Amino acid sequence: MSQATAAATMGVNETPTSDPLIKIEGLTRYFDVSKPLLNRVIERVPRQLLRAVHDVNFSIHAGETFALVGESGCGKSTVARMVAGLIAPSAGSVSFEGVDRAAARSAAEERKIRRRFQMIFQDPFASLNPRWRVDRIISEPIRAFGLAQDKQEIDHQVGELLKVVKLDPADGAKFPHEFSGGQRQRIAIARALSNKPEFIICDEPTSALDVSVQAQILNLMRDLQDEFGLTYLFISHNLAVVRHMATRIGVMYLGKLVEDAPSRELFKDPRHPYTRMLLDAVPDIDMSGRARTPVKGEVPNPINPPSGCTFHPRCPFAFDRCRKEEPALLPVSENHFASCHAVAEGRIESLGAGVQE
């Protein structure tokens, strides 16, 4: 069965039986935010490391959309850039079909794997070269990976890609500044498709767009996923967008993955207190009368994170163990994982009906 067929037939909450396409293990990234050496010597202060991502583990099967959500600064985009290979992890690994991308291999093998990845960036006004015409922007990956040599064939492929993203082939002769934000993001999507990838990393691809345009881009991305059998890692802070797009959702807080569950189950029965707070912040349009807990407090400083569970200063269920011991990501039900001592000890009840569909 092809990836496209598998993606079309796999249900939202159906558990894939094959090996994952992407596997993330122990992914960690620290950034050195220290003062210059001379200042540290004079002021007698040590180096300072910012813990952007810490021990993140998840996997994505072919045809799935795995979404990472969380407040700004929680490490979502850093994970995306490590998966894409734009920055190197301080620890951990990113495996593609069982092959560690950081492992020593020939340039030809690395190039072969790299062709199967692409990324759509957040800001379509910054991610497109303003000096290049659209046809050159889209055709660059085709040339870089040697997918076509003849200019006529390249021009034909560019025209077809513009049609795929609902633009006119004649638009290839224009510059990016001649398009609206939504049209620029369509161009970015066409560029991402030009080297025929299997896996696309989407780093908040609609957050810079008007709400009316966001829905069009999201529907286009879902149609393309069904048509080409694509696998997405989708980064967003918008829960409504994630609910529309994701097969599975990972919730991040201060660089850690605190909950991982199928999309429908996460919205129906969130277990981690932070996930519940995020969902309680969503306006209750149906006026269901369900008790809601607003998000309280501020995100701690990642340079000096709290001991134990990093969420305990804001958690209504925190107790002594939370302040001393870092919780592990443990199963709470089939395919549903949470990193919380209160959940593990049964002190947080299941919501049952949870957030209404």
Protein backbone atom coordinates (compact mmCIF):
# COMPACT_ATOMS: atom_id res chain seq x y z
CA MET A 1 0.00 0.00 0.00
CA SER A 2 1.34 3.44 -0.92
CA GLN A 3 1.81 6.20 1.66
CA ALA A 4 -0.98 8.20 0.02
CA THR A 5 -3.40 5.28 0.34
CA ALA A 6 -2.33 4.62 3.91
CA ALA A 7 -2.83 8.27 4.83
CA ALA A 8 -6.30 8.34 3.30
CA THR A 9 -7.47 5.17 5.01
CA MET A 10 -6.00 5.77 8.48
CA GLY A 11 -8.54 7.16 10.94
CA VAL A 12 -7.80 10.05 13.28
CA ASN A 13 -7.51 7.85 16.37
CA GLU A 14 -6.41 4.67 14.67
CA THR A 15 -3.07 3.37 15.93
CA PRO A 16 -0.54 2.76 13.13
CA THR A 17 1.04 -0.68 13.23
CA SER A 18 4.10 0.05 11.05
CA ASP A 19 7.40 1.48 12.27
CA PRO A 20 7.43 5.27 12.63
CA LEU A 21 8.72 7.46 9.83
CA ILE A 22 10.27 9.92 12.32
CA LYS A 23 11.47 9.01 15.80
CA ILE A 24 12.69 11.60 18.31
CA GLU A 25 14.60 10.28 21.33
CA GLY A 26 15.92 12.35 24.23
CA LEU A 27 16.08 15.53 22.14
CA THR A 28 17.78 18.28 24.18
CA ARG A 29 19.12 21.71 23.33
CA TYR A 30 20.96 24.23 25.49
CA PHE A 31 21.93 27.75 24.38
CA ASP A 32 24.87 29.58 25.93
CA VAL A 33 23.55 32.99 27.03
CA SER A 34 26.57 33.86 29.18
CA LYS A 35 28.19 37.26 29.33
CA PRO A 36 31.52 37.64 27.49
CA LEU A 37 34.47 35.93 29.17
CA LEU A 38 36.07 39.16 30.38
CA ASN A 39 32.83 40.29 32.04
CA ARG A 40 32.46 36.91 33.74
CA VAL A 41 36.02 37.10 35.11
CA ILE A 42 35.60 40.65 36.39
CA GLU A 43 32.14 40.08 37.85
CA ARG A 44 32.96 36.54 39.01
CA VAL A 45 29.83 35.04 37.52
CA PRO A 46 29.57 31.56 35.97
CA ARG A 47 28.42 30.61 32.48
CA GLN A 48 24.67 30.61 31.97
CA LEU A 49 22.91 27.99 29.87
CA LEU A 50 19.32 28.36 28.71
CA ARG A 51 17.49 25.01 28.59
CA ALA A 52 15.34 25.43 25.49
CA VAL A 53 14.41 21.75 25.03
CA HIS A 54 14.90 18.91 27.48
CA ASP A 55 14.55 15.15 26.88
CA VAL A 56 11.74 15.27 24.30
CA ASN A 57 10.54 11.91 22.92
CA PHE A 58 7.87 11.22 20.29
CA SER A 59 7.38 9.45 16.98
CA ILE A 60 5.41 10.20 13.80
CA HIS A 61 4.06 7.54 11.45
CA ALA A 62 3.68 8.01 7.70
CA GLY A 63 0.54 9.99 6.83
CA GLU A 64 0.11 11.42 10.34
CA THR A 65 0.10 15.02 11.49
CA PHE A 66 1.83 15.36 14.85
CA ALA A 67 1.25 18.81 16.40
CA LEU A 68 3.31 20.49 19.10
CA VAL A 69 1.45 23.13 21.12
CA GLY A 70 2.28 25.33 24.07
CA GLU A 71 2.85 28.91 25.15
CA SER A 72 5.39 31.11 23.38
CA GLY A 73 8.94 30.22 24.36
CA CYS A 74 8.20 26.61 25.32
CA GLY A 75 10.63 25.18 22.75
CA LYS A 76 8.31 24.18 19.89
CA SER A 77 10.22 25.96 17.13
CA THR A 78 13.56 24.79 18.54
CA VAL A 79 12.35 21.20 18.23
CA ALA A 80 11.24 21.90 14.65
CA ARG A 81 14.62 23.30 13.70
CA MET A 82 16.47 20.36 15.25
CA VAL A 83 14.25 17.90 13.38
CA ALA A 84 14.89 19.83 10.16
CA GLY A 85 18.63 19.77 10.78
CA LEU A 86 18.94 23.57 10.94
CA ILE A 87 20.47 23.41 14.42
CA ALA A 88 22.26 20.51 16.09
CA PRO A 89 20.86 18.99 19.29
CA SER A 90 22.93 19.13 22.47
CA ALA A 91 21.82 15.55 23.12
CA GLY A 92 19.38 13.00 21.72
CA SER A 93 18.68 11.85 18.19
CA VAL A 94 16.37 12.36 15.20
CA SER A 95 15.85 9.16 13.20
CA PHE A 96 14.27 8.93 9.76
CA GLU A 97 13.06 5.39 8.95
CA GLY A 98 15.43 4.06 11.61
CA VAL A 99 18.49 6.00 10.41
CA ASP A 100 19.97 8.57 12.83
CA ARG A 101 20.44 11.78 10.84
CA ALA A 102 23.52 12.72 12.87
CA ALA A 103 25.26 9.37 12.30
CA ALA A 104 28.31 9.34 10.07
CA ARG A 105 27.39 8.57 6.45
CA SER A 106 28.40 9.52 2.96
CA ALA A 107 27.38 12.85 1.44
CA ALA A 108 25.20 10.97 -1.06
CA GLU A 109 23.22 9.24 1.72
CA GLU A 110 22.77 12.51 3.59
CA ARG A 111 21.58 14.20 0.40
CA LYS A 112 19.12 11.38 -0.27
CA ILE A 113 17.60 11.71 3.21
CA ARG A 114 17.60 15.51 3.07
CA ARG A 115 15.54 15.47 -0.14
CA ARG A 116 12.72 13.76 1.73
CA PHE A 117 12.46 16.65 4.25
CA GLN A 118 11.08 20.15 3.78
CA MET A 119 10.00 23.03 6.00
CA ILE A 120 7.34 25.74 5.79
CA PHE A 121 8.29 28.77 7.88
CA GLN A 122 6.10 31.05 9.96
CA ASP A 123 6.49 34.35 8.14
CA PRO A 124 5.90 34.27 4.37
CA PHE A 125 7.17 37.86 4.16
CA ALA A 126 10.63 36.81 5.42
CA SER A 127 11.01 33.27 4.09
CA LEU A 128 10.97 34.19 0.39
CA ASN A 129 13.92 35.89 -1.29
CA PRO A 130 12.60 39.31 -2.39
CA ARG A 131 15.21 39.52 -5.19
CA TRP A 132 14.11 36.30 -6.90
CA ARG A 133 11.11 35.77 -9.11
CA VAL A 134 8.64 33.14 -7.97
CA ASP A 135 9.63 30.60 -10.63
CA ARG A 136 13.26 30.71 -9.43
CA ILE A 137 12.19 30.38 -5.79
CA ILE A 138 10.10 27.27 -6.48
CA SER A 139 12.59 25.70 -8.89
CA GLU A 140 15.62 26.05 -6.62
CA PRO A 141 15.04 22.71 -4.78
CA ILE A 142 14.45 20.98 -8.14
CA ARG A 143 17.85 22.16 -9.34
CA ALA A 144 19.59 21.58 -6.00
CA PHE A 145 18.55 17.93 -5.86
CA GLY A 146 18.94 17.31 -9.58
CA LEU A 147 15.32 16.30 -10.09
CA ALA A 148 15.26 17.88 -13.55
CA GLN A 149 17.93 19.37 -15.82
CA ASP A 150 16.03 20.59 -18.85
CA LYS A 151 14.76 24.18 -18.45
CA GLN A 152 11.52 23.35 -20.23
CA GLU A 153 10.84 20.47 -17.82
CA ILE A 154 11.67 22.65 -14.81
CA ASP A 155 9.33 25.39 -16.03
CA HIS A 156 6.59 22.79 -16.56
CA GLN A 157 7.03 21.45 -13.00
CA VAL A 158 6.93 24.99 -11.55
CA GLY A 159 3.71 25.71 -13.45
CA GLU A 160 2.11 22.50 -12.18
CA LEU A 161 3.14 23.29 -8.59
CA LEU A 162 1.57 26.75 -8.85
CA LYS A 163 -1.64 25.12 -10.05
CA VAL A 164 -1.52 22.67 -7.12
CA VAL A 165 -1.49 25.56 -4.61
CA LYS A 166 -4.30 27.36 -6.50
CA LEU A 167 -2.14 30.01 -8.21
CA ASP A 168 -1.70 30.76 -11.91
CA PRO A 169 1.41 29.49 -13.73
CA ALA A 170 1.89 33.06 -15.04
CA ASP A 171 2.53 34.14 -11.43
CA GLY A 172 5.97 32.57 -11.73
CA ALA A 173 7.23 35.71 -13.50
CA LYS A 174 6.35 37.95 -10.53
CA PHE A 175 8.29 38.92 -7.40
CA PRO A 176 7.11 38.04 -3.86
CA HIS A 177 6.19 41.65 -3.02
CA GLU A 178 3.45 41.49 -5.65
CA PHE A 179 1.47 38.95 -3.61
CA SER A 180 -0.63 39.04 -0.45
CA GLY A 181 0.41 37.16 2.70
CA GLY A 182 -1.79 34.17 1.93
CA GLN A 183 -0.51 33.98 -1.64
CA ARG A 184 3.09 34.13 -0.41
CA GLN A 185 2.44 31.22 1.90
CA ARG A 186 1.02 29.28 -1.06
CA ILE A 187 4.29 29.99 -2.87
CA ALA A 188 6.21 28.73 0.17
CA ILE A 189 4.10 25.55 0.13
CA ALA A 190 4.79 25.09 -3.59
CA ARG A 191 8.51 25.45 -2.89
CA ALA A 192 8.24 22.86 -0.11
CA LEU A 193 6.57 20.42 -2.53
CA SER A 194 9.03 20.98 -5.37
CA ASN A 195 11.56 18.32 -4.29
CA LYS A 196 8.78 15.74 -3.71
CA PRO A 197 9.26 15.37 0.07
CA GLU A 198 7.57 12.82 2.29
CA PHE A 199 7.88 14.79 5.54
CA ILE A 200 7.16 18.51 5.98
CA ILE A 201 7.81 20.55 9.12
CA CYS A 202 5.26 23.37 9.46
CA ASP A 203 6.44 26.03 11.93
CA GLU A 204 3.26 28.04 12.68
CA PRO A 205 2.50 28.40 8.96
CA THR A 206 -0.68 30.45 9.44
CA SER A 207 0.06 32.60 12.51
CA ALA A 208 1.15 35.60 10.39
CA LEU A 209 -1.99 35.48 8.24
CA ASP A 210 -5.49 36.93 8.58
CA VAL A 211 -8.04 34.59 10.14
CA SER A 212 -10.04 34.37 6.91
CA VAL A 213 -6.91 33.30 5.00
CA GLN A 214 -5.78 30.82 7.66
CA ALA A 215 -8.67 28.45 6.94
CA GLN A 216 -7.88 28.46 3.22
CA ILE A 217 -4.22 27.58 3.82
CA LEU A 218 -5.09 24.85 6.35
CA ASN A 219 -7.63 23.27 4.01
CA LEU A 220 -5.05 23.38 1.22
CA MET A 221 -2.48 21.65 3.43
CA ARG A 222 -4.93 18.89 4.33
CA ASP A 223 -5.85 18.38 0.67
CA LEU A 224 -2.16 18.16 -0.25
CA GLN A 225 -1.56 15.67 2.54
CA ASP A 226 -4.28 13.40 1.17
CA GLU A 227 -3.11 13.85 -2.42
CA PHE A 228 0.61 13.26 -1.88
CA GLY A 229 0.62 11.12 1.27
CA LEU A 230 2.54 13.72 3.27
CA THR A 231 3.54 13.49 6.92
CA TYR A 232 3.50 16.71 8.95
CA LEU A 233 5.14 17.97 12.11
CA PHE A 234 2.85 20.92 12.83
CA ILE A 235 3.93 23.65 15.27
CA SER A 236 1.24 25.96 16.62
CA HIS A 237 -0.02 27.79 19.68
CA ASN A 238 -3.56 27.93 18.29
CA LEU A 239 -5.63 25.05 19.66
CA ALA A 240 -8.41 25.57 17.11
CA VAL A 241 -5.90 25.13 14.28
CA VAL A 242 -4.38 22.06 15.92
CA ARG A 243 -7.79 20.48 16.40
CA HIS A 244 -8.48 20.89 12.69
CA MET A 245 -5.12 19.51 11.54
CA ALA A 246 -3.62 17.03 13.99
CA THR A 247 -3.77 13.27 14.27
CA ARG A 248 -1.76 13.38 17.51
CA ILE A 249 -0.88 16.29 19.79
CA GLY A 250 2.12 16.84 22.02
CA VAL A 251 1.82 19.57 24.66
CA MET A 252 5.08 21.31 25.61
CA TYR A 253 5.86 23.35 28.70
CA LEU A 254 9.22 25.00 29.38
CA GLY A 255 11.06 22.74 26.95
CA LYS A 256 9.47 19.45 28.02
CA LEU A 257 6.73 17.30 26.54
CA VAL A 258 4.10 17.04 29.29
CA GLU A 259 1.30 15.25 27.41
CA ASP A 260 1.03 13.20 24.21
CA ALA A 261 -2.29 11.82 22.97
CA PRO A 262 -4.49 11.35 19.90
CA SER A 263 -6.11 14.67 19.00
CA ARG A 264 -9.70 13.70 19.69
CA GLU A 265 -8.81 12.09 23.02
CA LEU A 266 -6.74 15.07 24.16
CA PHE A 267 -9.65 17.46 23.62
CA LYS A 268 -12.12 15.01 25.13
CA ASP A 269 -10.11 14.00 28.20
CA PRO A 270 -6.99 16.14 28.88
CA ARG A 271 -5.06 14.77 31.86
CA HIS A 272 -2.13 17.09 32.58
CA PRO A 273 -3.10 20.23 34.58
CA TYR A 274 -1.31 22.47 32.08
CA THR A 275 -3.23 20.98 29.14
CA ARG A 276 -6.49 21.56 31.03
CA MET A 277 -5.52 25.17 31.67
CA LEU A 278 -4.79 25.69 27.96
CA LEU A 279 -8.15 24.23 26.98
CA ASP A 280 -9.96 26.21 29.67
CA ALA A 281 -8.59 29.40 28.11
CA VAL A 282 -10.52 28.64 24.91
CA PRO A 283 -13.87 30.55 24.87
CA ASP A 284 -16.81 28.27 25.72
CA ILE A 285 -19.03 29.15 22.76
CA ASP A 286 -21.50 26.35 23.58
CA MET A 287 -21.89 27.70 27.15
CA SER A 288 -21.74 24.16 28.52
CA GLY A 289 -21.41 25.35 32.12
CA ARG A 290 -18.34 23.17 32.70
CA ALA A 291 -16.09 24.42 35.50
CA ARG A 292 -13.05 26.17 34.03
CA THR A 293 -9.66 27.06 35.55
CA PRO A 294 -7.98 30.09 33.98
CA VAL A 295 -4.24 30.00 33.24
CA LYS A 296 -2.45 31.59 36.19
CA GLY A 297 1.09 32.75 36.86
CA GLU A 298 4.04 33.34 34.56
CA VAL A 299 6.31 30.90 32.73
CA PRO A 300 9.48 30.46 34.85
CA ASN A 301 12.90 31.55 33.64
CA PRO A 302 14.38 28.73 31.50
CA ILE A 303 17.88 29.75 32.61
CA ASN A 304 16.95 28.81 36.18
CA PRO A 305 13.92 26.48 35.93
CA PRO A 306 12.11 25.27 39.07
CA SER A 307 13.23 22.02 40.68
CA GLY A 308 11.17 18.87 40.19
CA CYS A 309 8.18 19.41 37.93
CA THR A 310 8.68 22.77 36.21
CA PHE A 311 4.92 23.39 36.22
CA HIS A 312 4.51 23.06 40.00
CA PRO A 313 4.62 26.85 40.77
CA ARG A 314 1.43 27.26 38.67
CA CYS A 315 -0.24 23.92 39.36
CA PRO A 316 -3.28 23.66 41.67
CA PHE A 317 -2.48 19.96 42.31
CA ALA A 318 1.20 20.41 43.28
CA PHE A 319 2.52 18.71 46.44
CA ASP A 320 5.96 17.97 47.95
CA ARG A 321 6.94 15.28 45.44
CA CYS A 322 6.27 17.70 42.56
CA ARG A 323 8.77 20.18 43.98
CA LYS A 324 11.53 17.59 44.38
CA GLU A 325 11.18 14.93 41.68
CA GLU A 326 10.92 15.43 37.92
CA PRO A 327 8.00 13.36 36.55
CA ALA A 328 8.44 10.94 33.64
CA LEU A 329 6.15 10.74 30.62
CA LEU A 330 4.04 7.70 31.55
CA PRO A 331 0.99 6.06 29.95
CA VAL A 332 -2.38 6.96 31.48
CA SER A 333 -4.38 4.98 28.89
CA GLU A 334 -3.76 3.40 25.51
CA ASN A 335 -1.72 5.82 23.34
CA HIS A 336 -2.15 8.59 25.92
CA PHE A 337 0.84 9.77 27.97
CA ALA A 338 1.24 12.43 30.65
CA SER A 339 4.15 13.70 32.72
CA CYS A 340 2.53 14.40 36.09
CA HIS A 341 2.89 12.88 39.57
CA ALA A 342 -0.72 13.75 40.47
CA VAL A 343 -1.99 11.91 37.37
CA ALA A 344 0.27 8.90 38.05
CA GLU A 345 -1.01 8.67 41.65
CA GLY A 346 -4.66 9.00 40.61
CA ARG A 347 -5.21 12.35 42.35
CA ILE A 348 -6.51 13.96 39.14
CA GLU A 349 -9.73 12.44 37.90
CA SER A 350 -10.53 11.87 34.24
CA LEU A 351 -12.88 14.47 32.83
CA GLY A 352 -14.89 11.82 31.03
CA ALA A 353 -16.86 13.93 28.57
CA GLY A 354 -14.11 16.57 28.67
CA VAL A 355 -14.25 19.33 26.11
CA GLN A 356 -17.35 18.99 24.01
CA GLU A 357 -17.01 18.09 20.35
